[in-house]
Amino acid sequence: MKATQLTSTATVDDYRGFKKRGDTMALAGLIYDRFFERFVEPFENNPAKHGFSVMAISCLMIEALHSFRKGWKRTGSKGGDAFEEFFASSSHLTDFTGHGTELYTNVRCGLLHQAETYGGWRIRRRGPMLDPKGQAINATKVMNCLKKELRAYRCELEAERSLRSPIWRKALRKLDYIVKNTGANKTGRR
């Protein structure tokens, strides 16, 4: 399991080596690559992308990115509160401030549990990022803002050189949970 890929270019062993050496640049790159490869790249220059899929992946990315920032093992029962916190701290998705619980309940839960939105919400690829009165979300604009959030997070990680800092303690806690979920332990045996 030590060879388990965390990104296309980094394994569990690589992660452990970066962490042991305190290589914050490599660790920041690993986190960025993991997000970019899983959430952003499938929609880059893809003429077949659909707003529905983009928004479903965007909801996953919001939850995962917030989990990294908080060092959470799982969002679990935090649900709408996690979305509210994410948007309140976001520099790029400010339109959603105060609408996190509504988005979580009607869009995220609808898309991820029933493959539909709830409460009359619609997913678009044009128009304003958020139209709360018309109950519409522009998935393309959301994804573009999430790319900016991801780049900003990487820059914050790269700017902090100590793994003992709060931002790194939380990020490493989340990465350790991910490694544990791969089934890899210190010896690489299950």
N, C-alpha and C. Protein backbone atom coordinates (compact mmCIF):
# COMPACT_ATOMS: atom_id res chain seq x y z
N MET A 1 0.81 -1.21 0.00
CA MET A 1 0.00 0.00 0.00
C MET A 1 0.85 1.27 0.00
N LYS A 2 2.14 1.14 0.26
CA LYS A 2 2.99 2.32 0.26
C LYS A 2 3.01 2.97 -1.11
N ALA A 3 2.77 2.18 -2.16
CA ALA A 3 2.78 2.70 -3.52
C ALA A 3 1.42 3.28 -3.92
N THR A 4 0.47 3.30 -3.01
CA THR A 4 -0.84 3.86 -3.32
C THR A 4 -0.68 5.31 -3.78
N GLN A 5 -1.28 5.61 -4.91
CA GLN A 5 -1.20 6.94 -5.50
C GLN A 5 -2.13 7.90 -4.78
N LEU A 6 -1.59 9.02 -4.33
CA LEU A 6 -2.40 10.11 -3.78
C LEU A 6 -2.69 11.13 -4.88
N THR A 7 -1.79 11.20 -5.86
CA THR A 7 -1.96 11.97 -7.08
C THR A 7 -1.34 11.13 -8.19
N SER A 8 -1.37 11.65 -9.41
CA SER A 8 -0.76 10.88 -10.51
C SER A 8 0.76 10.79 -10.36
N THR A 9 1.33 11.66 -9.53
CA THR A 9 2.79 11.67 -9.41
C THR A 9 3.29 11.46 -7.98
N ALA A 10 2.40 11.31 -7.01
CA ALA A 10 2.85 11.17 -5.61
C ALA A 10 2.13 10.00 -4.93
N THR A 11 2.92 9.19 -4.27
CA THR A 11 2.41 8.03 -3.55
C THR A 11 2.35 8.32 -2.05
N VAL A 12 1.83 7.35 -1.30
CA VAL A 12 1.83 7.45 0.16
C VAL A 12 3.27 7.58 0.66
N ASP A 13 4.19 6.80 0.09
CA ASP A 13 5.60 6.91 0.48
C ASP A 13 6.16 8.30 0.20
N ASP A 14 5.82 8.85 -0.95
CA ASP A 14 6.27 10.21 -1.28
C ASP A 14 5.77 11.19 -0.22
N TYR A 15 4.49 11.09 0.11
CA TYR A 15 3.91 11.96 1.13
C TYR A 15 4.68 11.85 2.44
N ARG A 16 4.95 10.63 2.87
CA ARG A 16 5.68 10.43 4.12
C ARG A 16 7.07 11.05 4.06
N GLY A 17 7.72 10.93 2.91
CA GLY A 17 9.05 11.53 2.75
C GLY A 17 8.99 13.05 2.79
N PHE A 18 8.02 13.63 2.09
CA PHE A 18 7.86 15.09 2.11
C PHE A 18 7.62 15.58 3.53
N LYS A 19 6.77 14.86 4.24
CA LYS A 19 6.43 15.25 5.61
C LYS A 19 7.65 15.13 6.53
N LYS A 20 8.38 14.03 6.40
CA LYS A 20 9.56 13.81 7.24
C LYS A 20 10.62 14.89 7.01
N ARG A 21 10.78 15.30 5.75
CA ARG A 21 11.77 16.33 5.42
C ARG A 21 11.24 17.75 5.67
N GLY A 22 9.95 17.87 5.97
CA GLY A 22 9.36 19.20 6.15
C GLY A 22 9.29 19.98 4.85
N ASP A 23 9.13 19.27 3.75
CA ASP A 23 9.13 19.88 2.42
C ASP A 23 7.74 20.46 2.12
N THR A 24 7.53 21.68 2.58
CA THR A 24 6.21 22.31 2.44
C THR A 24 5.84 22.57 0.99
N MET A 25 6.82 22.85 0.15
CA MET A 25 6.52 23.10 -1.27
C MET A 25 6.00 21.82 -1.93
N ALA A 26 6.65 20.70 -1.67
CA ALA A 26 6.19 19.44 -2.25
C ALA A 26 4.82 19.05 -1.69
N LEU A 27 4.62 19.26 -0.40
CA LEU A 27 3.32 18.95 0.20
C LEU A 27 2.20 19.83 -0.36
N ALA A 28 2.49 21.12 -0.52
CA ALA A 28 1.50 22.02 -1.10
C ALA A 28 1.18 21.61 -2.54
N GLY A 29 2.20 21.18 -3.27
CA GLY A 29 1.99 20.70 -4.63
C GLY A 29 1.16 19.43 -4.67
N LEU A 30 1.41 18.53 -3.73
CA LEU A 30 0.63 17.29 -3.64
C LEU A 30 -0.85 17.62 -3.41
N ILE A 31 -1.13 18.50 -2.46
CA ILE A 31 -2.52 18.86 -2.16
C ILE A 31 -3.16 19.51 -3.39
N TYR A 32 -2.46 20.45 -3.99
CA TYR A 32 -3.00 21.12 -5.18
C TYR A 32 -3.28 20.10 -6.29
N ASP A 33 -2.30 19.25 -6.57
CA ASP A 33 -2.46 18.26 -7.64
C ASP A 33 -3.62 17.32 -7.36
N ARG A 34 -3.76 16.91 -6.12
CA ARG A 34 -4.86 16.00 -5.76
C ARG A 34 -6.20 16.65 -6.09
N PHE A 35 -6.38 17.89 -5.71
CA PHE A 35 -7.63 18.60 -6.01
C PHE A 35 -7.78 18.84 -7.51
N PHE A 36 -6.73 19.35 -8.13
CA PHE A 36 -6.83 19.69 -9.56
C PHE A 36 -7.17 18.46 -10.40
N GLU A 37 -6.45 17.36 -10.15
CA GLU A 37 -6.67 16.15 -10.94
C GLU A 37 -8.07 15.57 -10.75
N ARG A 38 -8.57 15.62 -9.53
CA ARG A 38 -9.86 14.99 -9.23
C ARG A 38 -11.06 15.86 -9.55
N PHE A 39 -10.93 17.16 -9.32
CA PHE A 39 -12.10 18.02 -9.40
C PHE A 39 -12.11 19.00 -10.57
N VAL A 40 -10.96 19.49 -10.98
CA VAL A 40 -10.92 20.54 -11.99
C VAL A 40 -10.61 19.99 -13.38
N GLU A 41 -9.54 19.25 -13.50
CA GLU A 41 -9.06 18.79 -14.80
C GLU A 41 -10.09 18.07 -15.66
N PRO A 42 -10.99 17.24 -15.09
CA PRO A 42 -11.96 16.57 -15.95
C PRO A 42 -12.87 17.53 -16.73
N PHE A 43 -12.96 18.78 -16.28
CA PHE A 43 -13.83 19.74 -16.96
C PHE A 43 -13.06 20.77 -17.78
N GLU A 44 -11.74 20.76 -17.69
CA GLU A 44 -10.93 21.69 -18.45
C GLU A 44 -11.00 21.32 -19.93
N ASN A 45 -11.33 22.28 -20.75
CA ASN A 45 -11.37 22.08 -22.21
C ASN A 45 -12.17 20.85 -22.62
N ASN A 46 -13.23 20.59 -21.92
CA ASN A 46 -14.07 19.43 -22.21
C ASN A 46 -15.40 19.92 -22.77
N PRO A 47 -15.61 19.80 -24.07
CA PRO A 47 -16.86 20.30 -24.66
C PRO A 47 -18.09 19.51 -24.21
N ALA A 48 -17.89 18.33 -23.66
CA ALA A 48 -19.02 17.50 -23.24
C ALA A 48 -19.44 17.77 -21.79
N LYS A 49 -18.76 18.71 -21.11
CA LYS A 49 -19.11 18.96 -19.72
C LYS A 49 -20.55 19.45 -19.61
N HIS A 50 -21.16 19.15 -18.49
CA HIS A 50 -22.55 19.53 -18.24
C HIS A 50 -22.60 20.25 -16.90
N GLY A 51 -23.38 21.29 -16.81
CA GLY A 51 -23.47 22.07 -15.58
C GLY A 51 -23.84 21.24 -14.37
N PHE A 52 -24.66 20.24 -14.58
CA PHE A 52 -25.08 19.34 -13.49
C PHE A 52 -23.87 18.64 -12.89
N SER A 53 -23.03 18.06 -13.76
CA SER A 53 -21.83 17.36 -13.29
C SER A 53 -20.84 18.33 -12.67
N VAL A 54 -20.67 19.48 -13.29
CA VAL A 54 -19.75 20.49 -12.76
C VAL A 54 -20.17 20.89 -11.35
N MET A 55 -21.47 21.09 -11.15
CA MET A 55 -21.94 21.52 -9.82
C MET A 55 -21.82 20.39 -8.80
N ALA A 56 -22.08 19.16 -9.19
CA ALA A 56 -21.92 18.03 -8.27
C ALA A 56 -20.46 17.94 -7.80
N ILE A 57 -19.53 18.04 -8.74
CA ILE A 57 -18.11 17.99 -8.40
C ILE A 57 -17.72 19.22 -7.59
N SER A 58 -18.29 20.36 -7.90
CA SER A 58 -18.00 21.58 -7.14
C SER A 58 -18.41 21.42 -5.68
N CYS A 59 -19.55 20.79 -5.45
CA CYS A 59 -19.99 20.54 -4.07
C CYS A 59 -19.02 19.62 -3.34
N LEU A 60 -18.54 18.59 -4.03
CA LEU A 60 -17.53 17.71 -3.43
C LEU A 60 -16.26 18.48 -3.11
N MET A 61 -15.87 19.35 -4.03
CA MET A 61 -14.64 20.12 -3.84
C MET A 61 -14.77 21.09 -2.67
N ILE A 62 -15.92 21.73 -2.55
CA ILE A 62 -16.15 22.64 -1.42
C ILE A 62 -15.97 21.90 -0.11
N GLU A 63 -16.60 20.76 -0.01
CA GLU A 63 -16.54 19.98 1.23
C GLU A 63 -15.13 19.47 1.51
N ALA A 64 -14.45 19.00 0.48
CA ALA A 64 -13.09 18.48 0.65
C ALA A 64 -12.11 19.60 1.00
N LEU A 65 -12.21 20.72 0.31
CA LEU A 65 -11.32 21.84 0.58
C LEU A 65 -11.53 22.38 2.00
N HIS A 66 -12.77 22.46 2.41
CA HIS A 66 -13.05 22.93 3.76
C HIS A 66 -12.53 21.93 4.80
N SER A 67 -12.62 20.65 4.50
CA SER A 67 -12.08 19.63 5.40
C SER A 67 -10.58 19.76 5.56
N PHE A 68 -9.88 20.10 4.48
CA PHE A 68 -8.44 20.33 4.57
C PHE A 68 -8.15 21.54 5.44
N ARG A 69 -8.88 22.61 5.22
CA ARG A 69 -8.64 23.84 5.99
C ARG A 69 -8.93 23.65 7.48
N LYS A 70 -9.86 22.75 7.79
CA LYS A 70 -10.23 22.51 9.18
C LYS A 70 -9.50 21.32 9.79
N GLY A 71 -8.91 20.47 8.96
CA GLY A 71 -8.25 19.27 9.46
C GLY A 71 -9.23 18.20 9.88
N TRP A 72 -10.41 18.20 9.27
CA TRP A 72 -11.46 17.26 9.64
C TRP A 72 -11.26 15.90 8.98
N LYS A 73 -11.56 14.88 9.74
CA LYS A 73 -11.59 13.53 9.18
C LYS A 73 -12.77 13.40 8.23
N ARG A 74 -13.92 13.89 8.67
CA ARG A 74 -15.16 13.85 7.89
C ARG A 74 -15.97 15.11 8.18
N THR A 75 -16.78 15.49 7.22
CA THR A 75 -17.68 16.61 7.50
C THR A 75 -18.89 16.11 8.27
N GLY A 76 -19.30 14.86 8.01
CA GLY A 76 -20.38 14.23 8.77
C GLY A 76 -21.57 15.11 9.03
N SER A 77 -21.88 15.33 10.29
CA SER A 77 -23.07 16.08 10.67
C SER A 77 -22.88 17.59 10.53
N LYS A 78 -21.70 18.02 10.10
CA LYS A 78 -21.44 19.46 9.99
C LYS A 78 -22.20 20.07 8.82
N GLY A 79 -22.47 19.29 7.78
CA GLY A 79 -23.28 19.64 6.63
C GLY A 79 -23.39 21.09 6.25
N GLY A 80 -24.60 21.64 6.43
CA GLY A 80 -24.87 23.02 6.05
C GLY A 80 -23.98 24.01 6.76
N ASP A 81 -23.63 23.71 8.02
CA ASP A 81 -22.73 24.61 8.76
C ASP A 81 -21.36 24.68 8.08
N ALA A 82 -20.89 23.56 7.56
CA ALA A 82 -19.59 23.54 6.87
C ALA A 82 -19.66 24.42 5.61
N PHE A 83 -20.76 24.35 4.89
CA PHE A 83 -20.91 25.19 3.70
C PHE A 83 -20.99 26.66 4.10
N GLU A 84 -21.73 26.97 5.15
CA GLU A 84 -21.81 28.36 5.64
C GLU A 84 -20.41 28.87 5.99
N GLU A 85 -19.64 28.06 6.72
CA GLU A 85 -18.28 28.45 7.10
C GLU A 85 -17.39 28.65 5.88
N PHE A 86 -17.50 27.73 4.93
CA PHE A 86 -16.68 27.83 3.73
C PHE A 86 -16.96 29.14 3.01
N PHE A 87 -18.22 29.44 2.77
CA PHE A 87 -18.56 30.66 2.03
C PHE A 87 -18.23 31.92 2.82
N ALA A 88 -18.38 31.87 4.13
CA ALA A 88 -18.05 33.04 4.96
C ALA A 88 -16.56 33.35 4.92
N SER A 89 -15.73 32.33 4.72
CA SER A 89 -14.28 32.54 4.68
C SER A 89 -13.74 32.67 3.26
N SER A 90 -14.58 32.45 2.27
CA SER A 90 -14.15 32.48 0.88
C SER A 90 -13.91 33.91 0.39
N SER A 91 -12.88 34.07 -0.42
CA SER A 91 -12.61 35.35 -1.06
C SER A 91 -13.24 35.43 -2.44
N HIS A 92 -13.64 34.30 -2.99
CA HIS A 92 -14.09 34.25 -4.38
C HIS A 92 -15.55 33.84 -4.54
N LEU A 93 -16.15 33.28 -3.52
CA LEU A 93 -17.54 32.83 -3.61
C LEU A 93 -18.42 33.62 -2.64
N THR A 94 -18.18 34.90 -2.56
CA THR A 94 -18.89 35.75 -1.60
C THR A 94 -20.39 35.84 -1.89
N ASP A 95 -20.80 35.58 -3.13
CA ASP A 95 -22.23 35.61 -3.46
C ASP A 95 -23.02 34.61 -2.62
N PHE A 96 -22.35 33.55 -2.16
CA PHE A 96 -23.04 32.49 -1.43
C PHE A 96 -23.07 32.71 0.08
N THR A 97 -22.40 33.77 0.56
CA THR A 97 -22.41 34.04 1.99
C THR A 97 -23.86 34.19 2.46
N GLY A 98 -24.22 33.43 3.48
CA GLY A 98 -25.59 33.44 3.99
C GLY A 98 -26.52 32.47 3.28
N HIS A 99 -26.03 31.80 2.25
CA HIS A 99 -26.84 30.84 1.50
C HIS A 99 -26.27 29.42 1.58
N GLY A 100 -25.27 29.21 2.43
CA GLY A 100 -24.59 27.92 2.50
C GLY A 100 -25.50 26.77 2.87
N THR A 101 -26.33 26.96 3.88
CA THR A 101 -27.22 25.88 4.31
C THR A 101 -28.23 25.54 3.22
N GLU A 102 -28.75 26.58 2.58
CA GLU A 102 -29.71 26.38 1.49
C GLU A 102 -29.06 25.64 0.32
N LEU A 103 -27.84 26.03 -0.02
CA LEU A 103 -27.11 25.35 -1.09
C LEU A 103 -26.82 23.91 -0.70
N TYR A 104 -26.38 23.71 0.54
CA TYR A 104 -26.08 22.36 1.00
C TYR A 104 -27.32 21.46 0.90
N THR A 105 -28.43 21.94 1.42
CA THR A 105 -29.65 21.14 1.47
C THR A 105 -30.26 20.89 0.10
N ASN A 106 -30.41 21.95 -0.69
CA ASN A 106 -31.15 21.83 -1.94
C ASN A 106 -30.31 21.47 -3.16
N VAL A 107 -29.03 21.77 -3.10
CA VAL A 107 -28.19 21.48 -4.26
C VAL A 107 -27.25 20.31 -3.93
N ARG A 108 -26.37 20.47 -2.96
CA ARG A 108 -25.40 19.42 -2.65
C ARG A 108 -26.09 18.11 -2.31
N CYS A 109 -26.98 18.11 -1.34
CA CYS A 109 -27.64 16.86 -0.94
C CYS A 109 -28.51 16.30 -2.06
N GLY A 110 -29.20 17.17 -2.77
CA GLY A 110 -30.01 16.71 -3.89
C GLY A 110 -29.17 16.05 -4.96
N LEU A 111 -28.09 16.72 -5.38
CA LEU A 111 -27.24 16.17 -6.43
C LEU A 111 -26.56 14.88 -6.01
N LEU A 112 -26.02 14.87 -4.80
CA LEU A 112 -25.21 13.73 -4.40
C LEU A 112 -26.02 12.54 -3.89
N HIS A 113 -27.24 12.79 -3.41
CA HIS A 113 -28.05 11.67 -2.90
C HIS A 113 -29.12 11.19 -3.87
N GLN A 114 -29.67 12.11 -4.65
CA GLN A 114 -30.77 11.73 -5.53
C GLN A 114 -30.56 12.11 -7.00
N ALA A 115 -29.39 12.65 -7.31
CA ALA A 115 -29.07 13.05 -8.69
C ALA A 115 -30.09 14.06 -9.23
N GLU A 116 -30.49 14.97 -8.36
CA GLU A 116 -31.40 16.05 -8.74
C GLU A 116 -31.28 17.15 -7.70
N THR A 117 -31.72 18.34 -8.05
CA THR A 117 -31.77 19.39 -7.04
C THR A 117 -33.12 19.36 -6.36
N TYR A 118 -33.20 19.96 -5.20
CA TYR A 118 -34.45 20.04 -4.45
C TYR A 118 -34.97 21.48 -4.44
N GLY A 119 -36.22 21.62 -4.07
CA GLY A 119 -36.79 22.95 -3.81
C GLY A 119 -36.83 23.88 -5.00
N GLY A 120 -36.83 23.34 -6.20
CA GLY A 120 -36.93 24.18 -7.38
C GLY A 120 -35.62 24.80 -7.85
N TRP A 121 -34.49 24.42 -7.25
CA TRP A 121 -33.20 24.97 -7.65
C TRP A 121 -32.79 24.43 -9.01
N ARG A 122 -32.13 25.27 -9.81
CA ARG A 122 -31.67 24.90 -11.14
C ARG A 122 -30.19 25.18 -11.30
N ILE A 123 -29.55 24.38 -12.10
CA ILE A 123 -28.13 24.53 -12.40
C ILE A 123 -28.03 25.05 -13.83
N ARG A 124 -27.28 26.12 -14.01
CA ARG A 124 -27.08 26.75 -15.31
C ARG A 124 -25.60 26.87 -15.61
N ARG A 125 -25.29 27.24 -16.85
CA ARG A 125 -23.91 27.53 -17.23
C ARG A 125 -23.80 28.94 -17.79
N ARG A 126 -24.79 29.75 -17.49
CA ARG A 126 -24.76 31.17 -17.88
C ARG A 126 -25.54 31.96 -16.84
N GLY A 127 -25.42 33.26 -16.93
CA GLY A 127 -26.12 34.11 -15.96
C GLY A 127 -25.27 34.36 -14.73
N PRO A 128 -25.87 34.98 -13.72
CA PRO A 128 -25.11 35.28 -12.50
C PRO A 128 -24.70 34.01 -11.77
N MET A 129 -23.66 34.13 -10.97
CA MET A 129 -23.20 32.96 -10.22
C MET A 129 -24.31 32.41 -9.34
N LEU A 130 -25.02 33.30 -8.67
CA LEU A 130 -26.12 32.90 -7.80
C LEU A 130 -27.29 33.84 -8.01
N ASP A 131 -28.44 33.25 -8.25
CA ASP A 131 -29.69 34.00 -8.32
C ASP A 131 -30.63 33.38 -7.29
N PRO A 132 -30.57 33.86 -6.03
CA PRO A 132 -31.37 33.24 -4.98
C PRO A 132 -32.88 33.36 -5.21
N LYS A 133 -33.33 34.47 -5.79
CA LYS A 133 -34.77 34.63 -6.05
C LYS A 133 -35.23 33.70 -7.16
N GLY A 134 -34.41 33.56 -8.20
CA GLY A 134 -34.73 32.65 -9.30
C GLY A 134 -34.28 31.23 -9.04
N GLN A 135 -33.65 31.01 -7.90
CA GLN A 135 -33.15 29.70 -7.48
C GLN A 135 -32.30 29.03 -8.56
N ALA A 136 -31.28 29.76 -9.00
CA ALA A 136 -30.39 29.25 -10.04
C ALA A 136 -28.93 29.51 -9.66
N ILE A 137 -28.09 28.58 -10.08
CA ILE A 137 -26.65 28.67 -9.84
C ILE A 137 -25.94 28.45 -11.17
N ASN A 138 -24.94 29.29 -11.45
CA ASN A 138 -24.13 29.14 -12.63
C ASN A 138 -22.93 28.25 -12.26
N ALA A 139 -22.98 27.00 -12.67
CA ALA A 139 -21.94 26.03 -12.30
C ALA A 139 -20.58 26.39 -12.86
N THR A 140 -20.52 26.97 -14.04
CA THR A 140 -19.25 27.36 -14.64
C THR A 140 -18.56 28.42 -13.78
N LYS A 141 -19.31 29.42 -13.34
CA LYS A 141 -18.73 30.48 -12.51
C LYS A 141 -18.31 29.93 -11.15
N VAL A 142 -19.08 29.01 -10.60
CA VAL A 142 -18.71 28.40 -9.33
C VAL A 142 -17.38 27.67 -9.47
N MET A 143 -17.24 26.86 -10.50
CA MET A 143 -15.99 26.11 -10.71
C MET A 143 -14.82 27.06 -10.92
N ASN A 144 -15.03 28.12 -11.68
CA ASN A 144 -13.94 29.08 -11.90
C ASN A 144 -13.50 29.72 -10.59
N CYS A 145 -14.44 30.01 -9.72
CA CYS A 145 -14.10 30.58 -8.41
C CYS A 145 -13.42 29.54 -7.51
N LEU A 146 -13.84 28.30 -7.62
CA LEU A 146 -13.19 27.24 -6.83
C LEU A 146 -11.74 27.04 -7.26
N LYS A 147 -11.46 27.20 -8.55
CA LYS A 147 -10.07 27.13 -9.01
C LYS A 147 -9.24 28.23 -8.35
N LYS A 148 -9.83 29.41 -8.22
CA LYS A 148 -9.13 30.52 -7.55
C LYS A 148 -8.95 30.21 -6.07
N GLU A 149 -9.95 29.61 -5.44
CA GLU A 149 -9.84 29.23 -4.02
C GLU A 149 -8.71 28.22 -3.84
N LEU A 150 -8.63 27.25 -4.74
CA LEU A 150 -7.59 26.22 -4.66
C LEU A 150 -6.20 26.85 -4.82
N ARG A 151 -6.05 27.75 -5.79
CA ARG A 151 -4.75 28.42 -5.97
C ARG A 151 -4.39 29.24 -4.74
N ALA A 152 -5.38 29.92 -4.17
CA ALA A 152 -5.13 30.73 -2.98
C ALA A 152 -4.70 29.85 -1.80
N TYR A 153 -5.34 28.70 -1.65
CA TYR A 153 -4.97 27.77 -0.57
C TYR A 153 -3.54 27.29 -0.76
N ARG A 154 -3.19 26.95 -1.99
CA ARG A 154 -1.81 26.52 -2.26
C ARG A 154 -0.82 27.62 -1.89
N CYS A 155 -1.13 28.85 -2.27
CA CYS A 155 -0.24 29.99 -1.94
C CYS A 155 -0.11 30.17 -0.44
N GLU A 156 -1.21 30.00 0.30
CA GLU A 156 -1.15 30.10 1.76
C GLU A 156 -0.25 29.02 2.34
N LEU A 157 -0.38 27.81 1.83
CA LEU A 157 0.45 26.70 2.30
C LEU A 157 1.92 26.96 1.98
N GLU A 158 2.19 27.42 0.76
CA GLU A 158 3.57 27.66 0.36
C GLU A 158 4.21 28.81 1.15
N ALA A 159 3.40 29.76 1.55
CA ALA A 159 3.92 30.91 2.30
C ALA A 159 4.29 30.54 3.73
N GLU A 160 3.67 29.51 4.25
CA GLU A 160 3.94 29.07 5.63
C GLU A 160 4.93 27.92 5.58
N ARG A 161 6.12 28.12 6.06
CA ARG A 161 7.20 27.14 5.92
C ARG A 161 7.28 26.14 7.07
N SER A 162 6.54 26.35 8.15
CA SER A 162 6.61 25.45 9.30
C SER A 162 5.43 24.49 9.33
N LEU A 163 5.75 23.20 9.40
CA LEU A 163 4.69 22.19 9.49
C LEU A 163 3.97 22.25 10.84
N ARG A 164 4.50 23.03 11.77
CA ARG A 164 3.86 23.18 13.08
C ARG A 164 2.84 24.32 13.10
N SER A 165 2.76 25.06 12.03
CA SER A 165 1.81 26.17 11.96
C SER A 165 0.38 25.61 11.91
N PRO A 166 -0.61 26.39 12.31
CA PRO A 166 -2.00 25.90 12.29
C PRO A 166 -2.47 25.41 10.92
N ILE A 167 -2.14 26.15 9.86
CA ILE A 167 -2.61 25.74 8.53
C ILE A 167 -2.03 24.38 8.13
N TRP A 168 -0.75 24.16 8.46
CA TRP A 168 -0.12 22.89 8.11
C TRP A 168 -0.57 21.76 9.03
N ARG A 169 -0.74 22.04 10.32
CA ARG A 169 -1.23 20.98 11.22
C ARG A 169 -2.56 20.44 10.73
N LYS A 170 -3.44 21.33 10.30
CA LYS A 170 -4.76 20.90 9.82
C LYS A 170 -4.66 20.15 8.49
N ALA A 171 -3.86 20.66 7.58
CA ALA A 171 -3.70 20.00 6.28
C ALA A 171 -3.08 18.61 6.44
N LEU A 172 -2.07 18.50 7.30
CA LEU A 172 -1.42 17.20 7.53
C LEU A 172 -2.35 16.23 8.24
N ARG A 173 -3.15 16.74 9.16
CA ARG A 173 -4.13 15.87 9.83
C ARG A 173 -5.07 15.27 8.78
N LYS A 174 -5.55 16.09 7.84
CA LYS A 174 -6.43 15.60 6.79
C LYS A 174 -5.70 14.60 5.89
N LEU A 175 -4.48 14.92 5.50
CA LEU A 175 -3.71 13.99 4.67
C LEU A 175 -3.47 12.67 5.40
N ASP A 176 -3.20 12.73 6.69
CA ASP A 176 -3.01 11.50 7.46
C ASP A 176 -4.28 10.66 7.47
N TYR A 177 -5.44 11.30 7.56
CA TYR A 177 -6.71 10.56 7.48
C TYR A 177 -6.84 9.89 6.11
N ILE A 178 -6.48 10.62 5.07
CA ILE A 178 -6.56 10.06 3.72
C ILE A 178 -5.65 8.84 3.60
N VAL A 179 -4.41 8.96 4.08
CA VAL A 179 -3.47 7.84 4.02
C VAL A 179 -4.02 6.66 4.81
N LYS A 180 -4.55 6.93 5.98
CA LYS A 180 -5.13 5.84 6.78
C LYS A 180 -6.26 5.15 6.02
N ASN A 181 -7.07 5.92 5.32
CA ASN A 181 -8.17 5.34 4.55
C ASN A 181 -7.69 4.49 3.38
N THR A 182 -6.45 4.67 2.95
CA THR A 182 -5.92 3.83 1.87
C THR A 182 -5.58 2.43 2.38
N GLY A 183 -5.50 2.29 3.70
CA GLY A 183 -5.14 1.01 4.28
C GLY A 183 -3.64 0.88 4.51
N ALA A 184 -2.90 1.91 4.16
CA ALA A 184 -1.44 1.87 4.34
C ALA A 184 -1.11 2.23 5.79
N ASN A 185 -0.19 1.47 6.36
CA ASN A 185 0.32 1.84 7.70
C ASN A 185 1.82 2.07 7.56
N LYS A 186 2.51 2.23 8.63
CA LYS A 186 3.95 2.57 8.56
C LYS A 186 4.79 1.54 7.84
N THR A 187 4.40 0.29 7.89
CA THR A 187 5.18 -0.73 7.21
C THR A 187 4.66 -1.02 5.81
N GLY A 188 3.53 -0.42 5.48
CA GLY A 188 2.96 -0.65 4.16
C GLY A 188 2.09 -1.88 4.09
N ARG A 189 1.91 -2.58 5.22
CA ARG A 189 1.06 -3.75 5.23
C ARG A 189 -0.33 -3.36 5.73
N ARG A 190 -1.31 -4.13 5.32
CA ARG A 190 -2.69 -3.87 5.76
C ARG A 190 -2.92 -4.48 7.11
